[in-house]
């Protein structure tokens, strides 16, 4: 059940990142990848810097969203560069 919860949380965070960046409709494959990577990097980094440890806290959720936004923005920049060439 934990794995399913992590996957769903990643998809929700990734979809939120896409919506914040104005991507419609949501690309669910990108949402899953960006959510999981962003949650791991951003959530872990922010949680450890704020002193919350690895517990489920608001700082980790915010860090997850920020990480997912960065991953999604990076993917969109990569796509634009390769489409123009």
Protein backbone atom coordinates (compact mmCIF):
# COMPACT_ATOMS: atom_id res chain seq x y z
CA UNK A 1 0.00 0.00 0.00
CA UNK A 2 2.89 2.36 0.70
CA UNK A 3 4.15 2.07 -2.88
CA UNK A 4 0.69 2.86 -4.27
CA UNK A 5 0.45 5.88 -1.95
CA UNK A 6 3.87 7.15 -3.07
CA UNK A 7 2.92 6.77 -6.73
CA UNK A 8 -0.40 8.59 -6.23
CA UNK A 9 1.27 11.36 -4.25
CA UNK A 10 3.87 11.75 -7.01
CA UNK A 11 1.20 11.94 -9.69
CA UNK A 12 -0.77 14.56 -7.77
CA UNK A 13 2.33 16.67 -7.13
CA UNK A 14 3.43 16.32 -10.78
CA UNK A 15 -0.02 17.27 -12.07
CA UNK A 16 -0.04 20.27 -9.72
CA UNK A 17 3.34 21.34 -11.08
CA UNK A 18 2.06 21.14 -14.65
CA UNK A 19 -1.04 23.15 -13.77
CA UNK A 20 1.10 25.80 -12.07
CA UNK A 21 3.17 26.10 -15.25
CA UNK A 22 0.05 26.33 -17.42
CA UNK A 23 0.25 22.93 -19.13
CA UNK A 24 -3.15 21.68 -20.22
CA UNK A 25 -4.08 18.86 -20.58
CA UNK A 26 -1.97 17.11 -17.96
CA UNK A 27 0.62 14.68 -19.34
CA UNK A 28 0.26 11.89 -16.75
CA UNK A 29 3.54 10.20 -17.68
CA UNK A 30 5.40 13.46 -17.09
CA UNK A 31 3.33 14.07 -13.96
CA UNK A 32 4.41 10.73 -12.52
CA UNK A 33 8.09 11.19 -13.39
CA UNK A 34 8.28 14.84 -12.29
CA UNK A 35 6.30 14.14 -9.14
CA UNK A 36 8.48 11.25 -8.03
CA UNK A 37 11.80 12.89 -8.91
CA UNK A 38 10.72 16.29 -7.60
CA UNK A 39 9.37 14.76 -4.41
CA UNK A 40 12.54 12.84 -3.80
CA UNK A 41 14.94 15.70 -4.47
CA UNK A 42 12.92 18.74 -3.40
CA UNK A 43 11.05 17.12 -0.54
CA UNK A 44 14.11 15.48 0.93
CA UNK A 45 16.26 18.60 0.59
CA UNK A 46 13.70 20.99 2.10
CA UNK A 47 12.76 18.59 4.91
CA UNK A 48 16.39 18.12 5.91
CA UNK A 49 17.23 21.85 5.64
CA UNK A 50 14.23 22.85 7.76
CA UNK A 51 15.16 20.33 10.44
CA UNK A 52 11.99 18.25 10.08
CA UNK A 53 13.90 15.09 9.26
CA UNK A 54 12.19 12.54 7.09
CA UNK A 55 8.76 12.96 8.66
CA UNK A 56 5.72 13.91 6.58
CA UNK A 57 5.54 17.67 7.15
CA UNK A 58 4.28 20.70 5.18
CA UNK A 59 7.86 21.72 4.38
CA UNK A 60 8.37 18.41 2.58
CA UNK A 61 5.16 18.83 0.59
CA UNK A 62 6.17 22.35 -0.47
CA UNK A 63 9.65 21.10 -1.36
CA UNK A 64 8.11 18.29 -3.39
CA UNK A 65 5.99 20.75 -5.35
CA UNK A 66 8.95 23.08 -5.96
CA UNK A 67 11.09 20.14 -7.08
CA UNK A 68 8.37 18.92 -9.43
CA UNK A 69 7.95 22.42 -10.90
CA UNK A 70 11.70 22.57 -11.58
CA UNK A 71 11.73 19.13 -13.19
CA UNK A 72 8.68 19.96 -15.32
CA UNK A 73 10.11 23.34 -16.39
CA UNK A 74 13.39 21.64 -17.30
CA UNK A 75 11.57 19.05 -19.38
CA UNK A 76 9.59 21.73 -21.22
CA UNK A 77 12.78 23.69 -21.94
CA UNK A 78 14.44 20.52 -23.24
CA UNK A 79 11.44 19.79 -25.48
CA UNK A 80 11.34 23.33 -26.90
CA UNK A 81 15.04 23.24 -27.73
CA UNK A 82 14.78 19.94 -29.61
CA UNK A 83 11.61 20.88 -31.48
CA UNK A 84 13.22 24.08 -32.83
CA UNK A 85 16.22 22.24 -34.30
